Amino acid sequence: MRRGLSQLQSFDCTCFSMITLLTNALIFLQILIVVGLYFLLHNFFRVTSELLAWFLSFSALILTRLLLIANGFLIASRYQSALPSEQRLAWHPTVGLLFQEFWANMLVTSWYMPFRAFSGTIASQAHGLPVLLIHGYGCNSGYWRSMRRHLIQARISFKAIDLEPLLAGIDSYAVSIDNALENLCKESGKEQIIILAHSMGGLAERAYLRRYNNRRIAKIITIGTPHYGTVLANFGVGLNSAEMRWNDNATHGQPSAWLRSLAESEDAAKRALITSIYSLHDNIIAPQQSAHLAGAKNIALSTIGHLALGLHPTVQALVLEEIRLASERH
């Protein structure tokens, strides 16, 4: 036990961010809905079996959540980027993709985000550069819970932050990122770090680079980031959602004015820092080619949903390899 404590300095905590409170409230609301359905079925619809009434109540909730995710896939398919014939999915892998994303959604929103948020871990004998974890829209640090285990096993120091205010403009997150970055450098004793960002977090990091400089950044790894926007952001709320919008169809549309301004502020050196890992079948980023960032290293995968990206073994292996390569160069 003492040996383990001497090797790792852990900063895990229950972080009461706004999204943590909201997800806890949503879980409580879902429990109330299930209980309410049970009483309706048992007392008004005369379902005499208590076990059956509970089963039907839970099933109704699960089916509703599944249909909401399926609706996201349907909307994304209407703005689907053109795919080569070998990447077009038949019904069987499509169903598998849906249930994979459903499981990731249930795990992240009902367990990781409400109850498993964390701040970071500093390894006393770390391998490579430390990593700053930045979550996406509507998430918190709990999103990285699965990736956290792999970073600890690889003896990589890391810190996770919660982007707040929840619905603020993306530029406003730059100060929080800068503070977390400087603290991670100080705690790890390193001059440079690696950024790992999911979805909107990748845009927040690019906004950070526009305001500050890239002196501290050895590498930026984005996962499922809508670098040129997404149609589904039109259904979101908040200034940050508006800034992530893709307007019109996949062929003739264009990014929001904020995204165009962000792109204009970047030079080749900044783009060369970035590796963009994304899925050709993303259910939140549409058109999916929006995640392909010109001038960056781009890695396209298939048959992985948006939330599932950060939990997927293939993505996690690619992330660890990118961290290793960046650490060797610095």
C-alpha atoms as a PDB file:
ATOM      1  CA  MET A   1       0.000   0.000   0.000  1.00  0.00           C
ATOM      2  CA  ARG A   2       2.749   2.499   0.913  1.00  0.00           C
ATOM      3  CA  ARG A   3       4.608   1.665  -2.274  1.00  0.00           C
ATOM      4  CA  GLY A   4       1.488   2.348  -4.323  1.00  0.00           C
ATOM      5  CA  LEU A   5       0.910   5.661  -2.592  1.00  0.00           C
ATOM      6  CA  SER A   6       4.485   6.731  -3.197  1.00  0.00           C
ATOM      7  CA  GLN A   7       4.203   6.045  -6.901  1.00  0.00           C
ATOM      8  CA  LEU A   8       0.970   7.924  -7.559  1.00  0.00           C
ATOM      9  CA  GLN A   9      -0.351  11.188  -6.239  1.00  0.00           C
ATOM     10  CA  SER A  10      -4.096  11.120  -6.857  1.00  0.00           C
ATOM     11  CA  PHE A  11      -6.440  14.100  -6.997  1.00  0.00           C
ATOM     12  CA  ASP A  12      -9.713  12.263  -7.545  1.00  0.00           C
ATOM     13  CA  CYS A  13     -12.771  14.016  -6.218  1.00  0.00           C
ATOM     14  CA  THR A  14     -16.498  14.356  -6.584  1.00  0.00           C
ATOM     15  CA  CYS A  15     -16.597  17.577  -8.588  1.00  0.00           C
ATOM     16  CA  PHE A  16     -19.899  19.424  -8.151  1.00  0.00           C
ATOM     17  CA  SER A  17     -19.931  21.202 -11.491  1.00  0.00           C
ATOM     18  CA  MET A  18     -23.205  22.412 -12.976  1.00  0.00           C
ATOM     19  CA  ILE A  19     -23.388  19.420 -15.320  1.00  0.00           C
ATOM     20  CA  THR A  20     -22.822  17.078 -12.343  1.00  0.00           C
ATOM     21  CA  LEU A  21     -25.784  18.609 -10.544  1.00  0.00           C
ATOM     22  CA  LEU A  22     -27.914  18.504 -13.694  1.00  0.00           C
ATOM     23  CA  THR A  23     -27.161  14.848 -14.423  1.00  0.00           C
ATOM     24  CA  ASN A  24     -27.949  13.945 -10.812  1.00  0.00           C
ATOM     25  CA  ALA A  25     -31.239  15.816 -11.128  1.00  0.00           C
ATOM     26  CA  LEU A  26     -32.033  14.000 -14.385  1.00  0.00           C
ATOM     27  CA  ILE A  27     -31.373  10.641 -12.762  1.00  0.00           C
ATOM     28  CA  PHE A  28     -33.716  11.569  -9.908  1.00  0.00           C
ATOM     29  CA  LEU A  29     -36.332  12.665 -12.461  1.00  0.00           C
ATOM     30  CA  GLN A  30     -36.032   9.362 -14.312  1.00  0.00           C
ATOM     31  CA  ILE A  31     -36.493   7.456 -11.054  1.00  0.00           C
ATOM     32  CA  LEU A  32     -39.658   9.453 -10.384  1.00  0.00           C
ATOM     33  CA  ILE A  33     -40.908   8.686 -13.897  1.00  0.00           C
ATOM     34  CA  VAL A  34     -40.316   4.954 -13.440  1.00  0.00           C
ATOM     35  CA  VAL A  35     -42.089   4.994 -10.066  1.00  0.00           C
ATOM     36  CA  GLY A  36     -44.963   6.976 -11.567  1.00  0.00           C
ATOM     37  CA  LEU A  37     -45.304   4.534 -14.462  1.00  0.00           C
ATOM     38  CA  TYR A  38     -45.295   1.647 -12.012  1.00  0.00           C
ATOM     39  CA  PHE A  39     -48.197   3.101 -10.029  1.00  0.00           C
ATOM     40  CA  LEU A  40     -50.129   3.844 -13.228  1.00  0.00           C
ATOM     41  CA  LEU A  41     -49.659   0.316 -14.511  1.00  0.00           C
ATOM     42  CA  HIS A  42     -50.337  -1.340 -11.177  1.00  0.00           C
ATOM     43  CA  ASN A  43     -53.272   0.771  -9.975  1.00  0.00           C
ATOM     44  CA  PHE A  44     -55.005   2.068 -13.119  1.00  0.00           C
ATOM     45  CA  PHE A  45     -54.132  -0.417 -15.870  1.00  0.00           C
ATOM     46  CA  ARG A  46     -54.551  -3.382 -13.519  1.00  0.00           C
ATOM     47  CA  VAL A  47     -51.153  -4.986 -14.123  1.00  0.00           C
ATOM     48  CA  THR A  48     -51.434  -7.323 -11.139  1.00  0.00           C
ATOM     49  CA  SER A  49     -47.863  -8.618 -11.236  1.00  0.00           C
ATOM     50  CA  GLU A  50     -45.584  -6.153  -9.432  1.00  0.00           C
ATOM     51  CA  LEU A  51     -42.545  -7.610 -11.188  1.00  0.00           C
ATOM     52  CA  LEU A  52     -44.134  -7.115 -14.599  1.00  0.00           C
ATOM     53  CA  ALA A  53     -45.182  -3.556 -13.711  1.00  0.00           C
ATOM     54  CA  TRP A  54     -41.632  -2.651 -12.689  1.00  0.00           C
ATOM     55  CA  PHE A  55     -40.246  -4.347 -15.813  1.00  0.00           C
ATOM     56  CA  LEU A  56     -42.570  -2.410 -18.119  1.00  0.00           C
ATOM     57  CA  SER A  57     -41.784   0.857 -16.341  1.00  0.00           C
ATOM     58  CA  PHE A  58     -38.029   0.433 -16.697  1.00  0.00           C
ATOM     59  CA  SER A  59     -38.456  -0.780 -20.281  1.00  0.00           C
ATOM     60  CA  ALA A  60     -40.407   2.356 -21.193  1.00  0.00           C
ATOM     61  CA  LEU A  61     -37.588   4.556 -19.885  1.00  0.00           C
ATOM     62  CA  ILE A  62     -34.892   2.545 -21.655  1.00  0.00           C
ATOM     63  CA  LEU A  63     -36.839   2.524 -24.910  1.00  0.00           C
ATOM     64  CA  THR A  64     -37.318   6.303 -24.742  1.00  0.00           C
ATOM     65  CA  ARG A  65     -33.588   6.863 -24.329  1.00  0.00           C
ATOM     66  CA  LEU A  66     -32.843   4.437 -27.153  1.00  0.00           C
ATOM     67  CA  LEU A  67     -35.280   6.236 -29.460  1.00  0.00           C
ATOM     68  CA  LEU A  68     -33.695   9.613 -28.656  1.00  0.00           C
ATOM     69  CA  ILE A  69     -30.301   8.276 -29.715  1.00  0.00           C
ATOM     70  CA  ALA A  70     -31.800   6.673 -32.808  1.00  0.00           C
ATOM     71  CA  ASN A  71     -33.315  10.046 -33.704  1.00  0.00           C
ATOM     72  CA  GLY A  72     -29.837  11.602 -33.516  1.00  0.00           C
ATOM     73  CA  PHE A  73     -28.550   8.999 -35.966  1.00  0.00           C
ATOM     74  CA  LEU A  74     -31.500   9.717 -38.262  1.00  0.00           C
ATOM     75  CA  ILE A  75     -30.827  13.458 -38.304  1.00  0.00           C
ATOM     76  CA  ALA A  76     -27.102  12.875 -38.855  1.00  0.00           C
ATOM     77  CA  SER A  77     -27.844  10.531 -41.768  1.00  0.00           C
ATOM     78  CA  ARG A  78     -29.704  13.309 -43.570  1.00  0.00           C
ATOM     79  CA  TYR A  79     -26.511  15.373 -43.613  1.00  0.00           C
ATOM     80  CA  GLN A  80     -24.161  12.407 -44.043  1.00  0.00           C
ATOM     81  CA  SER A  81     -20.849  13.077 -45.751  1.00  0.00           C
ATOM     82  CA  ALA A  82     -20.389  11.146 -48.982  1.00  0.00           C
ATOM     83  CA  LEU A  83     -18.914   7.733 -48.167  1.00  0.00           C
ATOM     84  CA  PRO A  84     -17.132   5.201 -50.368  1.00  0.00           C
ATOM     85  CA  SER A  85     -19.162   2.055 -50.968  1.00  0.00           C
ATOM     86  CA  GLU A  86     -17.049  -0.015 -48.557  1.00  0.00           C
ATOM     87  CA  GLN A  87     -17.938   2.377 -45.685  1.00  0.00           C
ATOM     88  CA  ARG A  88     -21.695   2.249 -46.217  1.00  0.00           C
ATOM     89  CA  LEU A  89     -23.247   0.167 -43.482  1.00  0.00           C
ATOM     90  CA  ALA A  90     -25.744  -2.632 -43.912  1.00  0.00           C
ATOM     91  CA  TRP A  91     -28.535  -3.083 -41.361  1.00  0.00           C
ATOM     92  CA  HIS A  92     -26.599  -5.419 -39.045  1.00  0.00           C
ATOM     93  CA  PRO A  93     -23.609  -3.130 -38.335  1.00  0.00           C
ATOM     94  CA  THR A  94     -26.017  -0.168 -38.182  1.00  0.00           C
ATOM     95  CA  VAL A  95     -27.951  -1.820 -35.360  1.00  0.00           C
ATOM     96  CA  GLY A  96     -24.671  -2.676 -33.638  1.00  0.00           C
ATOM     97  CA  LEU A  97     -23.547   0.951 -33.953  1.00  0.00           C
ATOM     98  CA  LEU A  98     -26.824   2.154 -32.418  1.00  0.00           C
ATOM     99  CA  PHE A  99     -26.603  -0.147 -29.403  1.00  0.00           C
ATOM    100  CA  GLN A 100     -22.894   0.606 -28.924  1.00  0.00           C
ATOM    101  CA  GLU A 101     -23.683   4.325 -28.707  1.00  0.00           C
ATOM    102  CA  PHE A 102     -26.698   3.625 -26.496  1.00  0.00           C
ATOM    103  CA  TRP A 103     -24.522   1.729 -24.009  1.00  0.00           C
ATOM    104  CA  ALA A 104     -21.890   4.492 -24.045  1.00  0.00           C
ATOM    105  CA  ASN A 105     -24.617   7.083 -23.464  1.00  0.00           C
ATOM    106  CA  MET A 106     -26.081   5.152 -20.533  1.00  0.00           C
ATOM    107  CA  LEU A 107     -22.668   4.603 -18.952  1.00  0.00           C
ATOM    108  CA  VAL A 108     -21.435   8.178 -19.397  1.00  0.00           C
ATOM    109  CA  THR A 109     -24.592  10.106 -18.534  1.00  0.00           C
ATOM    110  CA  SER A 110     -25.930   7.820 -15.801  1.00  0.00           C
ATOM    111  CA  TRP A 111     -22.716   6.816 -14.035  1.00  0.00           C
ATOM    112  CA  TYR A 112     -19.487   8.534 -15.096  1.00  0.00           C
ATOM    113  CA  MET A 113     -20.734  12.129 -15.265  1.00  0.00           C
ATOM    114  CA  PRO A 114     -22.982  12.186 -12.171  1.00  0.00           C
ATOM    115  CA  PHE A 115     -20.806  10.116  -9.833  1.00  0.00           C
ATOM    116  CA  ARG A 116     -17.323   9.541 -11.259  1.00  0.00           C
ATOM    117  CA  ALA A 117     -15.914  12.998 -12.067  1.00  0.00           C
ATOM    118  CA  PHE A 118     -12.262  13.500 -11.124  1.00  0.00           C
ATOM    119  CA  SER A 119      -9.493  16.084 -11.233  1.00  0.00           C
ATOM    120  CA  GLY A 120      -6.345  14.092 -12.009  1.00  0.00           C
ATOM    121  CA  THR A 121      -3.415  11.902 -11.074  1.00  0.00           C
ATOM    122  CA  ILE A 122       0.291  12.762 -10.955  1.00  0.00           C
ATOM    123  CA  ALA A 123       2.664   9.813 -11.337  1.00  0.00           C
ATOM    124  CA  SER A 124       5.900  10.111  -9.338  1.00  0.00           C
ATOM    125  CA  GLN A 125       7.794   8.161 -12.003  1.00  0.00           C
ATOM    126  CA  ALA A 126       5.809   9.268 -15.022  1.00  0.00           C
ATOM    127  CA  HIS A 127       6.375   8.042 -18.540  1.00  0.00           C
ATOM    128  CA  GLY A 128       6.255  10.776 -21.154  1.00  0.00           C
ATOM    129  CA  LEU A 129       4.519  14.128 -21.038  1.00  0.00           C
ATOM    130  CA  PRO A 130       1.455  14.853 -18.878  1.00  0.00           C
ATOM    131  CA  VAL A 131      -1.987  15.099 -20.475  1.00  0.00           C
ATOM    132  CA  LEU A 132      -4.734  17.684 -19.977  1.00  0.00           C
ATOM    133  CA  LEU A 133      -8.207  16.198 -20.568  1.00  0.00           C
ATOM    134  CA  ILE A 134     -10.925  18.496 -21.935  1.00  0.00           C
ATOM    135  CA  HIS A 135     -14.488  17.208 -22.306  1.00  0.00           C
ATOM    136  CA  GLY A 136     -17.135  18.226 -24.821  1.00  0.00           C
ATOM    137  CA  TYR A 137     -20.522  19.933 -24.872  1.00  0.00           C
ATOM    138  CA  GLY A 138     -22.874  18.902 -22.076  1.00  0.00           C
ATOM    139  CA  CYS A 139     -20.270  16.725 -20.355  1.00  0.00           C
ATOM    140  CA  ASN A 140     -17.799  16.971 -17.495  1.00  0.00           C
ATOM    141  CA  SER A 141     -14.519  15.320 -16.503  1.00  0.00           C
ATOM    142  CA  GLY A 142     -16.368  12.078 -15.768  1.00  0.00           C
ATOM    143  CA  TYR A 143     -16.502  11.461 -19.525  1.00  0.00           C
ATOM    144  CA  TRP A 144     -12.820  10.457 -19.366  1.00  0.00           C
ATOM    145  CA  ARG A 145     -13.282   7.791 -16.684  1.00  0.00           C
ATOM    146  CA  SER A 146     -12.518   4.916 -19.067  1.00  0.00           C
ATOM    147  CA  MET A 147      -9.494   6.701 -20.574  1.00  0.00           C
ATOM    148  CA  ARG A 148      -8.276   7.484 -17.066  1.00  0.00           C
ATOM    149  CA  ARG A 149      -7.637   3.804 -16.341  1.00  0.00           C
ATOM    150  CA  HIS A 150      -5.402   3.471 -19.389  1.00  0.00           C
ATOM    151  CA  LEU A 151      -3.426   6.600 -18.537  1.00  0.00           C
ATOM    152  CA  ILE A 152      -2.795   5.309 -15.017  1.00  0.00           C
ATOM    153  CA  GLN A 153      -1.693   1.914 -16.349  1.00  0.00           C
ATOM    154  CA  ALA A 154       0.695   3.658 -18.751  1.00  0.00           C
ATOM    155  CA  ARG A 155       2.041   5.808 -15.850  1.00  0.00           C
ATOM    156  CA  ILE A 156       1.050   9.038 -17.569  1.00  0.00           C
ATOM    157  CA  SER A 157       0.255  12.055 -15.388  1.00  0.00           C
ATOM    158  CA  PHE A 158      -2.982  13.823 -16.262  1.00  0.00           C
ATOM    159  CA  LYS A 159      -5.412  16.489 -15.166  1.00  0.00           C
ATOM    160  CA  ALA A 160      -9.085  16.887 -16.123  1.00  0.00           C
ATOM    161  CA  ILE A 161     -11.081  20.093 -16.078  1.00  0.00           C
ATOM    162  CA  ASP A 162     -14.762  21.018 -16.204  1.00  0.00           C
ATOM    163  CA  LEU A 163     -15.639  23.711 -18.739  1.00  0.00           C
ATOM    164  CA  GLU A 164     -17.977  26.252 -17.177  1.00  0.00           C
ATOM    165  CA  PRO A 165     -20.221  28.222 -17.475  1.00  0.00           C
ATOM    166  CA  LEU A 166     -22.099  25.405 -19.168  1.00  0.00           C
ATOM    167  CA  LEU A 167     -23.655  27.432 -22.008  1.00  0.00           C
ATOM    168  CA  ALA A 168     -21.021  30.160 -22.389  1.00  0.00           C
ATOM    169  CA  GLY A 169     -19.135  31.060 -25.541  1.00  0.00           C
ATOM    170  CA  ILE A 170     -16.227  28.760 -26.357  1.00  0.00           C
ATOM    171  CA  ASP A 171     -13.683  31.593 -26.123  1.00  0.00           C
ATOM    172  CA  SER A 172     -14.556  32.016 -22.439  1.00  0.00           C
ATOM    173  CA  TYR A 173     -13.030  28.616 -21.606  1.00  0.00           C
ATOM    174  CA  ALA A 174      -9.521  29.741 -22.576  1.00  0.00           C
ATOM    175  CA  VAL A 175      -8.730  31.128 -19.103  1.00  0.00           C
ATOM    176  CA  SER A 176      -9.711  27.858 -17.380  1.00  0.00           C
ATOM    177  CA  ILE A 177      -7.616  25.882 -19.848  1.00  0.00           C
ATOM    178  CA  ASP A 178      -4.632  28.153 -19.310  1.00  0.00           C
ATOM    179  CA  ASN A 179      -4.888  27.848 -15.518  1.00  0.00           C
ATOM    180  CA  ALA A 180      -5.204  24.057 -15.696  1.00  0.00           C
ATOM    181  CA  LEU A 181      -2.319  23.854 -18.141  1.00  0.00           C
ATOM    182  CA  GLU A 182       0.010  25.911 -15.956  1.00  0.00           C
ATOM    183  CA  ASN A 183      -0.975  23.949 -12.839  1.00  0.00           C
ATOM    184  CA  LEU A 184      -0.321  20.647 -14.611  1.00  0.00           C
ATOM    185  CA  CYS A 185       3.120  21.821 -15.715  1.00  0.00           C
ATOM    186  CA  LYS A 186       3.916  22.902 -12.160  1.00  0.00           C
ATOM    187  CA  GLU A 187       2.610  19.702 -10.539  1.00  0.00           C
ATOM    188  CA  SER A 188       4.323  17.402 -13.052  1.00  0.00           C
ATOM    189  CA  GLY A 189       7.560  19.363 -13.348  1.00  0.00           C
ATOM    190  CA  LYS A 190       7.263  19.408 -17.149  1.00  0.00           C
ATOM    191  CA  GLU A 191       7.586  22.399 -19.446  1.00  0.00           C
ATOM    192  CA  GLN A 192       5.156  21.052 -22.028  1.00  0.00           C
ATOM    193  CA  ILE A 193       1.979  18.993 -22.024  1.00  0.00           C
ATOM    194  CA  ILE A 194      -0.326  17.118 -24.386  1.00  0.00           C
ATOM    195  CA  ILE A 195      -3.985  18.052 -24.797  1.00  0.00           C
ATOM    196  CA  LEU A 196      -6.615  15.332 -25.233  1.00  0.00           C
ATOM    197  CA  ALA A 197     -10.011  16.813 -26.096  1.00  0.00           C
ATOM    198  CA  HIS A 198     -13.381  15.365 -27.027  1.00  0.00           C
ATOM    199  CA  SER A 199     -15.919  17.102 -29.276  1.00  0.00           C
ATOM    200  CA  MET A 200     -16.316  20.808 -28.322  1.00  0.00           C
ATOM    201  CA  GLY A 201     -13.221  20.476 -26.126  1.00  0.00           C
ATOM    202  CA  GLY A 202     -11.093  20.438 -29.284  1.00  0.00           C
ATOM    203  CA  LEU A 203     -12.581  23.770 -30.340  1.00  0.00           C
ATOM    204  CA  ALA A 204     -11.996  25.166 -26.845  1.00  0.00           C
ATOM    205  CA  GLU A 205      -8.330  24.212 -27.131  1.00  0.00           C
ATOM    206  CA  ARG A 206      -8.036  25.867 -30.546  1.00  0.00           C
ATOM    207  CA  ALA A 207      -9.675  28.979 -29.053  1.00  0.00           C
ATOM    208  CA  TYR A 208      -7.082  28.837 -26.272  1.00  0.00           C
ATOM    209  CA  LEU A 209      -4.292  28.851 -28.868  1.00  0.00           C
ATOM    210  CA  ARG A 210      -5.820  31.895 -30.545  1.00  0.00           C
ATOM    211  CA  ARG A 211      -5.757  33.845 -27.266  1.00  0.00           C
ATOM    212  CA  TYR A 212      -2.499  32.537 -25.822  1.00  0.00           C
ATOM    213  CA  ASN A 213       0.451  30.823 -27.477  1.00  0.00           C
ATOM    214  CA  ASN A 214       1.494  27.231 -28.077  1.00  0.00           C
ATOM    215  CA  ARG A 215       4.706  27.364 -26.028  1.00  0.00           C
ATOM    216  CA  ARG A 216       3.364  24.827 -23.521  1.00  0.00           C
ATOM    217  CA  ILE A 217       1.696  22.543 -26.084  1.00  0.00           C
ATOM    218  CA  ALA A 218       3.582  19.541 -27.455  1.00  0.00           C
ATOM    219  CA  LYS A 219       0.558  17.916 -29.061  1.00  0.00           C
ATOM    220  CA  ILE A 220      -3.219  18.300 -29.366  1.00  0.00           C
ATOM    221  CA  ILE A 221      -5.329  15.176 -29.873  1.00  0.00           C
ATOM    222  CA  THR A 222      -8.975  15.790 -30.707  1.00  0.00           C
ATOM    223  CA  ILE A 223     -11.594  13.044 -30.692  1.00  0.00           C
ATOM    224  CA  GLY A 224     -14.828  13.634 -32.582  1.00  0.00           C
ATOM    225  CA  THR A 225     -14.368  17.402 -32.740  1.00  0.00           C
ATOM    226  CA  PRO A 226     -16.620  19.312 -35.187  1.00  0.00           C
ATOM    227  CA  HIS A 227     -13.795  21.467 -36.515  1.00  0.00           C
ATOM    228  CA  TYR A 228     -16.074  22.894 -39.218  1.00  0.00           C
ATOM    229  CA  GLY A 229     -19.326  22.574 -37.273  1.00  0.00           C
ATOM    230  CA  THR A 230     -22.297  20.219 -37.095  1.00  0.00           C
ATOM    231  CA  VAL A 231     -25.935  20.459 -38.088  1.00  0.00           C
ATOM    232  CA  LEU A 232     -27.001  18.977 -34.763  1.00  0.00           C
ATOM    233  CA  ALA A 233     -25.668  22.060 -32.965  1.00  0.00           C
ATOM    234  CA  ASN A 234     -28.749  23.824 -34.368  1.00  0.00           C
ATOM    235  CA  PHE A 235     -30.791  21.778 -31.888  1.00  0.00           C
ATOM    236  CA  GLY A 236     -28.599  22.719 -28.923  1.00  0.00           C
ATOM    237  CA  VAL A 237     -28.850  25.618 -26.502  1.00  0.00           C
ATOM    238  CA  GLY A 238     -26.260  28.164 -25.432  1.00  0.00           C
ATOM    239  CA  LEU A 239     -23.784  30.430 -27.176  1.00  0.00           C
ATOM    240  CA  ASN A 240     -21.276  27.561 -27.459  1.00  0.00           C
ATOM    241  CA  SER A 241     -23.821  25.492 -29.376  1.00  0.00           C
ATOM    242  CA  ALA A 242     -24.519  28.372 -31.765  1.00  0.00           C
ATOM    243  CA  GLU A 243     -20.791  28.729 -32.406  1.00  0.00           C
ATOM    244  CA  MET A 244     -20.531  25.054 -33.431  1.00  0.00           C
ATOM    245  CA  ARG A 245     -23.218  25.174 -36.104  1.00  0.00           C
ATOM    246  CA  TRP A 246     -22.927  23.942 -39.654  1.00  0.00           C
ATOM    247  CA  ASN A 247     -25.445  25.727 -41.843  1.00  0.00           C
ATOM    248  CA  ASP A 248     -27.272  24.169 -44.817  1.00  0.00           C
ATOM    249  CA  ASN A 249     -26.504  20.754 -46.350  1.00  0.00           C
ATOM    250  CA  ALA A 250     -23.334  18.651 -46.458  1.00  0.00           C
ATOM    251  CA  THR A 251     -22.350  19.797 -49.956  1.00  0.00           C
ATOM    252  CA  HIS A 252     -23.178  23.484 -49.997  1.00  0.00           C
ATOM    253  CA  GLY A 253     -23.175  24.400 -46.299  1.00  0.00           C
ATOM    254  CA  GLN A 254     -20.610  26.325 -44.329  1.00  0.00           C
ATOM    255  CA  PRO A 255     -19.382  26.662 -40.728  1.00  0.00           C
ATOM    256  CA  SER A 256     -20.594  29.383 -38.399  1.00  0.00           C
ATOM    257  CA  ALA A 257     -18.950  32.793 -38.481  1.00  0.00           C
ATOM    258  CA  TRP A 258     -17.166  31.937 -35.211  1.00  0.00           C
ATOM    259  CA  LEU A 259     -15.652  28.770 -36.693  1.00  0.00           C
ATOM    260  CA  ARG A 260     -14.577  30.610 -39.839  1.00  0.00           C
ATOM    261  CA  SER A 261     -12.903  33.282 -37.716  1.00  0.00           C
ATOM    262  CA  LEU A 262     -11.145  30.599 -35.655  1.00  0.00           C
ATOM    263  CA  ALA A 263      -9.792  28.926 -38.789  1.00  0.00           C
ATOM    264  CA  GLU A 264      -8.542  32.241 -40.174  1.00  0.00           C
ATOM    265  CA  SER A 265      -6.526  32.853 -36.992  1.00  0.00           C
ATOM    266  CA  GLU A 266      -4.469  29.660 -37.375  1.00  0.00           C
ATOM    267  CA  ASP A 267      -1.242  29.093 -39.237  1.00  0.00           C
ATOM    268  CA  ALA A 268       0.385  25.877 -40.461  1.00  0.00           C
ATOM    269  CA  ALA A 269       2.403  25.494 -37.241  1.00  0.00           C
ATOM    270  CA  LYS A 270      -0.711  25.398 -35.069  1.00  0.00           C
ATOM    271  CA  ARG A 271      -2.482  22.950 -37.359  1.00  0.00           C
ATOM    272  CA  ALA A 272       0.592  20.687 -37.362  1.00  0.00           C
ATOM    273  CA  LEU A 273       0.212  20.268 -33.587  1.00  0.00           C
ATOM    274  CA  ILE A 274      -3.188  18.602 -34.008  1.00  0.00           C
ATOM    275  CA  THR A 275      -4.171  14.985 -34.559  1.00  0.00           C
ATOM    276  CA  SER A 276      -7.884  14.630 -35.275  1.00  0.00           C
ATOM    277  CA  ILE A 277      -9.380  11.188 -34.601  1.00  0.00           C
ATOM    278  CA  TYR A 278     -12.975  10.863 -35.761  1.00  0.00           C
ATOM    279  CA  SER A 279     -15.645   8.453 -36.958  1.00  0.00           C
ATOM    280  CA  LEU A 280     -17.177   8.366 -40.418  1.00  0.00           C
ATOM    281  CA  HIS A 281     -20.410   7.245 -38.733  1.00  0.00           C
ATOM    282  CA  ASP A 282     -20.576   9.853 -35.973  1.00  0.00           C
ATOM    283  CA  ASN A 283     -24.160  10.489 -34.850  1.00  0.00           C
ATOM    284  CA  ILE A 284     -23.521  14.004 -33.498  1.00  0.00           C
ATOM    285  CA  ILE A 285     -21.109  15.458 -36.055  1.00  0.00           C
ATOM    286  CA  ALA A 286     -22.833  15.878 -39.402  1.00  0.00           C
ATOM    287  CA  PRO A 287     -21.444  16.207 -41.970  1.00  0.00           C
ATOM    288  CA  GLN A 288     -18.883  13.802 -40.540  1.00  0.00           C
ATOM    289  CA  GLN A 289     -16.060  15.202 -42.669  1.00  0.00           C
ATOM    290  CA  SER A 290     -16.324  18.314 -40.513  1.00  0.00           C
ATOM    291  CA  ALA A 291     -13.964  16.502 -38.129  1.00  0.00           C
ATOM    292  CA  HIS A 292     -11.292  16.278 -40.847  1.00  0.00           C
ATOM    293  CA  LEU A 293      -9.082  19.320 -40.170  1.00  0.00           C
ATOM    294  CA  ALA A 294      -6.965  20.620 -43.024  1.00  0.00           C
ATOM    295  CA  GLY A 295      -3.261  20.779 -42.134  1.00  0.00           C
ATOM    296  CA  ALA A 296      -3.619  18.378 -39.190  1.00  0.00           C
ATOM    297  CA  LYS A 297      -2.930  14.655 -38.932  1.00  0.00           C
ATOM    298  CA  ASN A 298      -6.309  13.031 -39.517  1.00  0.00           C
ATOM    299  CA  ILE A 299      -7.279   9.483 -38.526  1.00  0.00           C
ATOM    300  CA  ALA A 300     -10.708   8.359 -39.767  1.00  0.00           C
ATOM    301  CA  LEU A 301     -12.396   5.359 -38.162  1.00  0.00           C
ATOM    302  CA  SER A 302     -15.712   3.667 -38.849  1.00  0.00           C
ATOM    303  CA  THR A 303     -18.655   2.171 -36.956  1.00  0.00           C
ATOM    304  CA  ILE A 304     -18.136   4.188 -33.760  1.00  0.00           C
ATOM    305  CA  GLY A 305     -20.635   6.645 -32.297  1.00  0.00           C
ATOM    306  CA  HIS A 306     -19.870  10.065 -30.862  1.00  0.00           C
ATOM    307  CA  LEU A 307     -19.877   9.368 -27.118  1.00  0.00           C
ATOM    308  CA  ALA A 308     -18.471   5.888 -27.700  1.00  0.00           C
ATOM    309  CA  LEU A 309     -15.271   7.341 -29.204  1.00  0.00           C
ATOM    310  CA  GLY A 310     -13.660   8.084 -25.840  1.00  0.00           C
ATOM    311  CA  LEU A 311     -14.541   4.620 -24.523  1.00  0.00           C
ATOM    312  CA  HIS A 312     -13.570   2.584 -27.581  1.00  0.00           C
ATOM    313  CA  PRO A 313     -10.426   0.378 -27.306  1.00  0.00           C
ATOM    314  CA  THR A 314      -9.260   1.293 -30.824  1.00  0.00           C
ATOM    315  CA  VAL A 315      -9.468   5.011 -30.089  1.00  0.00           C
ATOM    316  CA  GLN A 316      -7.788   4.604 -26.707  1.00  0.00           C
ATOM    317  CA  ALA A 317      -4.907   2.670 -28.291  1.00  0.00           C
ATOM    318  CA  LEU A 318      -4.486   5.381 -30.941  1.00  0.00           C
ATOM    319  CA  VAL A 319      -4.474   8.078 -28.257  1.00  0.00           C
ATOM    320  CA  LEU A 320      -1.795   6.298 -26.234  1.00  0.00           C
ATOM    321  CA  GLU A 321       0.314   5.893 -29.375  1.00  0.00           C
ATOM    322  CA  GLU A 322      -0.015   9.605 -30.206  1.00  0.00           C
ATOM    323  CA  ILE A 323       0.987  10.459 -26.637  1.00  0.00           C
ATOM    324  CA  ARG A 324       4.027   8.180 -26.901  1.00  0.00           C
ATOM    325  CA  LEU A 325       5.138   9.674 -30.218  1.00  0.00           C
ATOM    326  CA  ALA A 326       4.732  13.246 -28.992  1.00  0.00           C
ATOM    327  CA  SER A 327       6.593  12.474 -25.766  1.00  0.00           C
ATOM    328  CA  GLU A 328       9.507  10.945 -27.676  1.00  0.00           C
ATOM    329  CA  ARG A 329       9.838  14.079 -29.816  1.00  0.00           C
ATOM    330  CA  HIS A 330      10.025  16.266 -26.700  1.00  0.00           C
END
